[in-house]
Amino acid sequence: MTQQRIELRLPDLDLGTTIVTACCWHAAVGARVVEGDRLLEVLAGEVTVDLAAPASGRLIQRCVELDEPLTIGRLLAVIEVQ
């Protein structure tokens, strides 16, 4: 069976020039996730935003560290689905 990799990228949160940082991971590398599960919390000023898993599968890579400044389109995580 072929395994597919799905990327989670930072969407445009329509927050202007507010700096967005990674705040809290809700899944460990290797953990199974379900599409829609909270995967990563980001902080933009005083606003927190939960980013959901874009697919069900296994989280195989975290691409950003906590407190790291992020830009729109930045690769955040990779999920492997079967």
PDB file of N, CA and C in Angstrom:
ATOM      1  N   MET A   1       0.843  -1.181   0.000  1.00  0.00           N
ATOM      2  CA  MET A   1       0.000   0.000   0.000  1.00  0.00           C
ATOM      3  C   MET A   1       0.891   1.249   0.000  1.00  0.00           C
ATOM      4  N   THR A   2       0.588   2.202  -0.831  1.00  0.00           N
ATOM      5  CA  THR A   2       1.368   3.423  -0.946  1.00  0.00           C
ATOM      6  C   THR A   2       1.036   4.376   0.190  1.00  0.00           C
ATOM      7  N   GLN A   3       2.083   4.964   0.769  1.00  0.00           N
ATOM      8  CA  GLN A   3       1.877   5.937   1.829  1.00  0.00           C
ATOM      9  C   GLN A   3       2.003   7.336   1.248  1.00  0.00           C
ATOM     10  N   GLN A   4       1.114   8.204   1.643  1.00  0.00           N
ATOM     11  CA  GLN A   4       1.081   9.569   1.155  1.00  0.00           C
ATOM     12  C   GLN A   4       1.442  10.505   2.302  1.00  0.00           C
ATOM     13  N   ARG A   5       2.134  11.579   1.990  1.00  0.00           N
ATOM     14  CA  ARG A   5       2.487  12.576   3.001  1.00  0.00           C
ATOM     15  C   ARG A   5       1.688  13.854   2.754  1.00  0.00           C
ATOM     16  N   ILE A   6       1.059  14.335   3.820  1.00  0.00           N
ATOM     17  CA  ILE A   6       0.255  15.549   3.771  1.00  0.00           C
ATOM     18  C   ILE A   6       0.947  16.598   4.643  1.00  0.00           C
ATOM     19  N   GLU A   7       1.071  17.800   4.110  1.00  0.00           N
ATOM     20  CA  GLU A   7       1.748  18.872   4.836  1.00  0.00           C
ATOM     21  C   GLU A   7       0.733  19.792   5.517  1.00  0.00           C
ATOM     22  N   LEU A   8       1.105  20.251   6.707  1.00  0.00           N
ATOM     23  CA  LEU A   8       0.367  21.319   7.375  1.00  0.00           C
ATOM     24  C   LEU A   8       1.214  22.575   7.235  1.00  0.00           C
ATOM     25  N   ARG A   9       0.649  23.600   6.619  1.00  0.00           N
ATOM     26  CA  ARG A   9       1.342  24.873   6.434  1.00  0.00           C
ATOM     27  C   ARG A   9       0.553  25.971   7.139  1.00  0.00           C
ATOM     28  N   LEU A  10       1.260  27.026   7.528  1.00  0.00           N
ATOM     29  CA  LEU A  10       0.589  28.127   8.210  1.00  0.00           C
ATOM     30  C   LEU A  10      -0.298  28.882   7.227  1.00  0.00           C
ATOM     31  N   PRO A  11      -1.608  28.914   7.494  1.00  0.00           N
ATOM     32  CA  PRO A  11      -2.511  29.658   6.602  1.00  0.00           C
ATOM     33  C   PRO A  11      -2.420  31.156   6.888  1.00  0.00           C
ATOM     34  N   ASP A  12      -2.977  31.947   6.008  1.00  0.00           N
ATOM     35  CA  ASP A  12      -3.085  33.387   6.234  1.00  0.00           C
ATOM     36  C   ASP A  12      -4.180  33.582   7.285  1.00  0.00           C
ATOM     37  N   LEU A  13      -3.791  34.034   8.459  1.00  0.00           N
ATOM     38  CA  LEU A  13      -4.742  34.219   9.557  1.00  0.00           C
ATOM     39  C   LEU A  13      -5.359  35.609   9.550  1.00  0.00           C
ATOM     40  N   ASP A  14      -5.039  36.397   8.543  1.00  0.00           N
ATOM     41  CA  ASP A  14      -5.596  37.743   8.372  1.00  0.00           C
ATOM     42  C   ASP A  14      -5.357  38.602   9.615  1.00  0.00           C
ATOM     43  N   LEU A  15      -4.105  38.568  10.098  1.00  0.00           N
ATOM     44  CA  LEU A  15      -3.746  39.323  11.296  1.00  0.00           C
ATOM     45  C   LEU A  15      -2.774  40.457  10.993  1.00  0.00           C
ATOM     46  N   GLY A  16      -2.666  40.827   9.722  1.00  0.00           N
ATOM     47  CA  GLY A  16      -1.793  41.931   9.340  1.00  0.00           C
ATOM     48  C   GLY A  16      -0.332  41.618   9.602  1.00  0.00           C
ATOM     49  N   THR A  17       0.341  42.535  10.285  1.00  0.00           N
ATOM     50  CA  THR A  17       1.779  42.373  10.523  1.00  0.00           C
ATOM     51  C   THR A  17       2.091  41.760  11.887  1.00  0.00           C
ATOM     52  N   THR A  18       1.068  41.269  12.575  1.00  0.00           N
ATOM     53  CA  THR A  18       1.273  40.645  13.886  1.00  0.00           C
ATOM     54  C   THR A  18       2.191  39.443  13.750  1.00  0.00           C
ATOM     55  N   ILE A  19       3.181  39.337  14.626  1.00  0.00           N
ATOM     56  CA  ILE A  19       4.106  38.201  14.610  1.00  0.00           C
ATOM     57  C   ILE A  19       3.386  36.962  15.132  1.00  0.00           C
ATOM     58  N   VAL A  20       3.506  35.879  14.400  1.00  0.00           N
ATOM     59  CA  VAL A  20       2.894  34.608  14.770  1.00  0.00           C
ATOM     60  C   VAL A  20       4.009  33.658  15.196  1.00  0.00           C
ATOM     61  N   THR A  21       3.841  32.995  16.343  1.00  0.00           N
ATOM     62  CA  THR A  21       4.836  32.036  16.819  1.00  0.00           C
ATOM     63  C   THR A  21       4.167  30.711  17.172  1.00  0.00           C
ATOM     64  N   ALA A  22       4.939  29.642  17.063  1.00  0.00           N
ATOM     65  CA  ALA A  22       4.464  28.329  17.501  1.00  0.00           C
ATOM     66  C   ALA A  22       4.406  28.342  19.023  1.00  0.00           C
ATOM     67  N   CYS A  23       3.317  27.849  19.574  1.00  0.00           N
ATOM     68  CA  CYS A  23       3.101  27.962  21.022  1.00  0.00           C
ATOM     69  C   CYS A  23       3.061  26.598  21.723  1.00  0.00           C
ATOM     70  N   CYS A  24       2.321  25.645  21.157  1.00  0.00           N
ATOM     71  CA  CYS A  24       2.126  24.372  21.847  1.00  0.00           C
ATOM     72  C   CYS A  24       1.766  23.266  20.847  1.00  0.00           C
ATOM     73  N   TRP A  25       2.551  22.203  20.861  1.00  0.00           N
ATOM     74  CA  TRP A  25       2.221  21.033  20.057  1.00  0.00           C
ATOM     75  C   TRP A  25       1.240  20.164  20.844  1.00  0.00           C
ATOM     76  N   HIS A  26       0.223  19.641  20.168  1.00  0.00           N
ATOM     77  CA  HIS A  26      -0.771  18.783  20.822  1.00  0.00           C
ATOM     78  C   HIS A  26      -0.598  17.312  20.452  1.00  0.00           C
ATOM     79  N   ALA A  27       0.440  16.999  19.677  1.00  0.00           N
ATOM     80  CA  ALA A  27       0.714  15.606  19.312  1.00  0.00           C
ATOM     81  C   ALA A  27       2.224  15.411  19.212  1.00  0.00           C
ATOM     82  N   ALA A  28       2.675  14.277  19.676  1.00  0.00           N
ATOM     83  CA  ALA A  28       4.094  13.937  19.605  1.00  0.00           C
ATOM     84  C   ALA A  28       4.412  13.338  18.238  1.00  0.00           C
ATOM     85  N   VAL A  29       5.663  13.435  17.850  1.00  0.00           N
ATOM     86  CA  VAL A  29       6.095  12.771  16.617  1.00  0.00           C
ATOM     87  C   VAL A  29       5.848  11.274  16.791  1.00  0.00           C
ATOM     88  N   GLY A  30       5.237  10.659  15.794  1.00  0.00           N
ATOM     89  CA  GLY A  30       4.912   9.240  15.846  1.00  0.00           C
ATOM     90  C   GLY A  30       3.480   8.974  16.291  1.00  0.00           C
ATOM     91  N   ALA A  31       2.822   9.992  16.824  1.00  0.00           N
ATOM     92  CA  ALA A  31       1.443   9.817  17.311  1.00  0.00           C
ATOM     93  C   ALA A  31       0.472   9.726  16.142  1.00  0.00           C
ATOM     94  N   ARG A  32      -0.591   8.959  16.350  1.00  0.00           N
ATOM     95  CA  ARG A  32      -1.673   8.904  15.370  1.00  0.00           C
ATOM     96  C   ARG A  32      -2.562  10.115  15.598  1.00  0.00           C
ATOM     97  N   VAL A  33      -2.966  10.748  14.504  1.00  0.00           N
ATOM     98  CA  VAL A  33      -3.852  11.904  14.575  1.00  0.00           C
ATOM     99  C   VAL A  33      -5.040  11.657  13.661  1.00  0.00           C
ATOM    100  N   VAL A  34      -6.135  12.325  13.970  1.00  0.00           N
ATOM    101  CA  VAL A  34      -7.360  12.229  13.175  1.00  0.00           C
ATOM    102  C   VAL A  34      -7.600  13.591  12.549  1.00  0.00           C
ATOM    103  N   GLU A  35      -8.006  13.585  11.283  1.00  0.00           N
ATOM    104  CA  GLU A  35      -8.294  14.842  10.595  1.00  0.00           C
ATOM    105  C   GLU A  35      -9.205  15.713  11.457  1.00  0.00           C
ATOM    106  N   GLY A  36      -8.796  16.958  11.659  1.00  0.00           N
ATOM    107  CA  GLY A  36      -9.569  17.886  12.476  1.00  0.00           C
ATOM    108  C   GLY A  36      -9.086  17.997  13.909  1.00  0.00           C
ATOM    109  N   ASP A  37      -8.264  17.039  14.369  1.00  0.00           N
ATOM    110  CA  ASP A  37      -7.694  17.118  15.719  1.00  0.00           C
ATOM    111  C   ASP A  37      -6.820  18.355  15.842  1.00  0.00           C
ATOM    112  N   ARG A  38      -6.794  18.957  17.031  1.00  0.00           N
ATOM    113  CA  ARG A  38      -5.855  20.050  17.301  1.00  0.00           C
ATOM    114  C   ARG A  38      -4.442  19.491  17.194  1.00  0.00           C
ATOM    115  N   LEU A  39      -3.621  20.131  16.391  1.00  0.00           N
ATOM    116  CA  LEU A  39      -2.256  19.645  16.193  1.00  0.00           C
ATOM    117  C   LEU A  39      -1.228  20.633  16.730  1.00  0.00           C
ATOM    118  N   LEU A  40      -1.412  21.910  16.416  1.00  0.00           N
ATOM    119  CA  LEU A  40      -0.462  22.935  16.827  1.00  0.00           C
ATOM    120  C   LEU A  40      -1.214  24.208  17.190  1.00  0.00           C
ATOM    121  N   GLU A  41      -0.841  24.793  18.311  1.00  0.00           N
ATOM    122  CA  GLU A  41      -1.396  26.079  18.716  1.00  0.00           C
ATOM    123  C   GLU A  41      -0.369  27.148  18.382  1.00  0.00           C
ATOM    124  N   VAL A  42      -0.829  28.222  17.736  1.00  0.00           N
ATOM    125  CA  VAL A  42       0.052  29.343  17.431  1.00  0.00           C
ATOM    126  C   VAL A  42      -0.466  30.581  18.159  1.00  0.00           C
ATOM    127  N   LEU A  43       0.459  31.487  18.438  1.00  0.00           N
ATOM    128  CA  LEU A  43       0.144  32.708  19.160  1.00  0.00           C
ATOM    129  C   LEU A  43       0.429  33.892  18.255  1.00  0.00           C
ATOM    130  N   ALA A  44      -0.540  34.791  18.149  1.00  0.00           N
ATOM    131  CA  ALA A  44      -0.388  36.014  17.350  1.00  0.00           C
ATOM    132  C   ALA A  44      -0.826  37.174  18.229  1.00  0.00           C
ATOM    133  N   GLY A  45       0.136  37.878  18.802  1.00  0.00           N
ATOM    134  CA  GLY A  45      -0.207  38.925  19.760  1.00  0.00           C
ATOM    135  C   GLY A  45      -0.860  38.290  20.968  1.00  0.00           C
ATOM    136  N   GLU A  46      -2.102  38.656  21.232  1.00  0.00           N
ATOM    137  CA  GLU A  46      -2.841  38.080  22.357  1.00  0.00           C
ATOM    138  C   GLU A  46      -3.842  37.017  21.905  1.00  0.00           C
ATOM    139  N   VAL A  47      -3.797  36.665  20.630  1.00  0.00           N
ATOM    140  CA  VAL A  47      -4.740  35.705  20.051  1.00  0.00           C
ATOM    141  C   VAL A  47      -4.063  34.355  19.883  1.00  0.00           C
ATOM    142  N   THR A  48      -4.725  33.282  20.338  1.00  0.00           N
ATOM    143  CA  THR A  48      -4.228  31.939  20.073  1.00  0.00           C
ATOM    144  C   THR A  48      -5.137  31.285  19.046  1.00  0.00           C
ATOM    145  N   VAL A  49      -4.512  30.517  18.169  1.00  0.00           N
ATOM    146  CA  VAL A  49      -5.245  29.830  17.111  1.00  0.00           C
ATOM    147  C   VAL A  49      -4.807  28.373  17.095  1.00  0.00           C
ATOM    148  N   ASP A  50      -5.772  27.463  17.120  1.00  0.00           N
ATOM    149  CA  ASP A  50      -5.474  26.037  17.000  1.00  0.00           C
ATOM    150  C   ASP A  50      -5.485  25.661  15.530  1.00  0.00           C
ATOM    151  N   LEU A  51      -4.425  25.009  15.087  1.00  0.00           N
ATOM    152  CA  LEU A  51      -4.362  24.502  13.723  1.00  0.00           C
ATOM    153  C   LEU A  51      -4.652  23.012  13.765  1.00  0.00           C
ATOM    154  N   ALA A  52      -5.548  22.571  12.905  1.00  0.00           N
ATOM    155  CA  ALA A  52      -6.019  21.190  12.912  1.00  0.00           C
ATOM    156  C   ALA A  52      -5.207  20.312  11.967  1.00  0.00           C
ATOM    157  N   ALA A  53      -5.182  19.032  12.285  1.00  0.00           N
ATOM    158  CA  ALA A  53      -4.552  18.056  11.392  1.00  0.00           C
ATOM    159  C   ALA A  53      -5.330  18.040  10.076  1.00  0.00           C
ATOM    160  N   PRO A  54      -4.639  18.177   8.940  1.00  0.00           N
ATOM    161  CA  PRO A  54      -5.322  18.213   7.657  1.00  0.00           C
ATOM    162  C   PRO A  54      -5.745  16.835   7.144  1.00  0.00           C
ATOM    163  N   ALA A  55      -5.282  15.772   7.831  1.00  0.00           N
ATOM    164  CA  ALA A  55      -5.606  14.408   7.414  1.00  0.00           C
ATOM    165  C   ALA A  55      -5.401  13.475   8.599  1.00  0.00           C
ATOM    166  N   SER A  56      -5.963  12.290   8.503  1.00  0.00           N
ATOM    167  CA  SER A  56      -5.741  11.260   9.527  1.00  0.00           C
ATOM    168  C   SER A  56      -4.510  10.456   9.156  1.00  0.00           C
ATOM    169  N   GLY A  57      -3.724  10.122  10.151  1.00  0.00           N
ATOM    170  CA  GLY A  57      -2.514   9.327   9.912  1.00  0.00           C
ATOM    171  C   GLY A  57      -1.564   9.438  11.085  1.00  0.00           C
ATOM    172  N   ARG A  58      -0.258   9.396  10.788  1.00  0.00           N
ATOM    173  CA  ARG A  58       0.762   9.467  11.823  1.00  0.00           C
ATOM    174  C   ARG A  58       1.591  10.734  11.621  1.00  0.00           C
ATOM    175  N   LEU A  59       1.774  11.505  12.688  1.00  0.00           N
ATOM    176  CA  LEU A  59       2.618  12.694  12.628  1.00  0.00           C
ATOM    177  C   LEU A  59       4.067  12.228  12.532  1.00  0.00           C
ATOM    178  N   ILE A  60       4.701  12.479  11.400  1.00  0.00           N
ATOM    179  CA  ILE A  60       6.067  11.980  11.219  1.00  0.00           C
ATOM    180  C   ILE A  60       7.126  13.072  11.328  1.00  0.00           C
ATOM    181  N   GLN A  61       6.683  14.341  11.301  1.00  0.00           N
ATOM    182  CA  GLN A  61       7.677  15.406  11.398  1.00  0.00           C
ATOM    183  C   GLN A  61       7.056  16.688  11.922  1.00  0.00           C
ATOM    184  N   ARG A  62       7.723  17.287  12.895  1.00  0.00           N
ATOM    185  CA  ARG A  62       7.424  18.647  13.347  1.00  0.00           C
ATOM    186  C   ARG A  62       8.489  19.527  12.704  1.00  0.00           C
ATOM    187  N   CYS A  63       8.089  20.537  12.008  1.00  0.00           N
ATOM    188  CA  CYS A  63       9.045  21.340  11.232  1.00  0.00           C
ATOM    189  C   CYS A  63       9.381  22.679  11.864  1.00  0.00           C
ATOM    190  N   VAL A  64       8.777  22.992  13.006  1.00  0.00           N
ATOM    191  CA  VAL A  64       9.073  24.247  13.701  1.00  0.00           C
ATOM    192  C   VAL A  64       9.230  23.975  15.197  1.00  0.00           C
ATOM    193  N   GLU A  65      10.023  24.823  15.830  1.00  0.00           N
ATOM    194  CA  GLU A  65      10.228  24.749  17.278  1.00  0.00           C
ATOM    195  C   GLU A  65       9.265  25.713  17.971  1.00  0.00           C
ATOM    196  N   LEU A  66       9.001  25.478  19.244  1.00  0.00           N
ATOM    197  CA  LEU A  66       8.160  26.380  20.018  1.00  0.00           C
ATOM    198  C   LEU A  66       8.829  27.744  20.109  1.00  0.00           C
ATOM    199  N   ASP A  67       8.030  28.781  20.113  1.00  0.00           N
ATOM    200  CA  ASP A  67       8.453  30.192  20.170  1.00  0.00           C
ATOM    201  C   ASP A  67       9.137  30.667  18.891  1.00  0.00           C
ATOM    202  N   GLU A  68       9.152  29.839  17.859  1.00  0.00           N
ATOM    203  CA  GLU A  68       9.759  30.233  16.586  1.00  0.00           C
ATOM    204  C   GLU A  68       8.798  31.128  15.802  1.00  0.00           C
ATOM    205  N   PRO A  69       9.282  32.285  15.300  1.00  0.00           N
ATOM    206  CA  PRO A  69       8.432  33.138  14.468  1.00  0.00           C
ATOM    207  C   PRO A  69       8.083  32.416  13.160  1.00  0.00           C
ATOM    208  N   LEU A  70       6.847  32.571  12.710  1.00  0.00           N
ATOM    209  CA  LEU A  70       6.366  31.862  11.526  1.00  0.00           C
ATOM    210  C   LEU A  70       5.899  32.848  10.459  1.00  0.00           C
ATOM    211  N   THR A  71       5.951  32.411   9.221  1.00  0.00           N
ATOM    212  CA  THR A  71       5.446  33.208   8.106  1.00  0.00           C
ATOM    213  C   THR A  71       4.363  32.407   7.387  1.00  0.00           C
ATOM    214  N   ILE A  72       3.472  33.123   6.710  1.00  0.00           N
ATOM    215  CA  ILE A  72       2.396  32.474   5.965  1.00  0.00           C
ATOM    216  C   ILE A  72       2.988  31.489   4.962  1.00  0.00           C
ATOM    217  N   GLY A  73       2.438  30.286   4.932  1.00  0.00           N
ATOM    218  CA  GLY A  73       2.901  29.254   4.018  1.00  0.00           C
ATOM    219  C   GLY A  73       4.018  28.388   4.571  1.00  0.00           C
ATOM    220  N   ARG A  74       4.524  28.717   5.736  1.00  0.00           N
ATOM    221  CA  ARG A  74       5.629  27.952   6.350  1.00  0.00           C
ATOM    222  C   ARG A  74       5.183  26.522   6.625  1.00  0.00           C
ATOM    223  N   LEU A  75       6.038  25.571   6.288  1.00  0.00           N
ATOM    224  CA  LEU A  75       5.764  24.159   6.579  1.00  0.00           C
ATOM    225  C   LEU A  75       5.862  23.942   8.081  1.00  0.00           C
ATOM    226  N   LEU A  76       4.791  23.427   8.672  1.00  0.00           N
ATOM    227  CA  LEU A  76       4.730  23.234  10.116  1.00  0.00           C
ATOM    228  C   LEU A  76       4.891  21.777  10.516  1.00  0.00           C
ATOM    229  N   ALA A  77       4.262  20.884   9.763  1.00  0.00           N
ATOM    230  CA  ALA A  77       4.265  19.469  10.127  1.00  0.00           C
ATOM    231  C   ALA A  77       3.964  18.615   8.896  1.00  0.00           C
ATOM    232  N   VAL A  78       4.331  17.332   9.016  1.00  0.00           N
ATOM    233  CA  VAL A  78       4.050  16.375   7.949  1.00  0.00           C
ATOM    234  C   VAL A  78       3.348  15.165   8.573  1.00  0.00           C
ATOM    235  N   ILE A  79       2.253  14.761   7.935  1.00  0.00           N
ATOM    236  CA  ILE A  79       1.478  13.599   8.377  1.00  0.00           C
ATOM    237  C   ILE A  79       1.546  12.549   7.283  1.00  0.00           C
ATOM    238  N   GLU A  80       1.801  11.328   7.693  1.00  0.00           N
ATOM    239  CA  GLU A  80       1.822  10.216   6.744  1.00  0.00           C
ATOM    240  C   GLU A  80       0.510   9.452   6.845  1.00  0.00           C
ATOM    241  N   VAL A  81      -0.161   9.315   5.701  1.00  0.00           N
ATOM    242  CA  VAL A  81      -1.440   8.595   5.654  1.00  0.00           C
ATOM    243  C   VAL A  81      -1.283   7.368   4.763  1.00  0.00           C
ATOM    244  N   GLN A  82      -2.157   6.383   4.963  1.00  0.00           N
ATOM    245  CA  GLN A  82      -2.092   5.164   4.156  1.00  0.00           C
ATOM    246  C   GLN A  82      -3.348   5.028   3.338  1.00  0.00           C
TER     247      GLN A  82
END
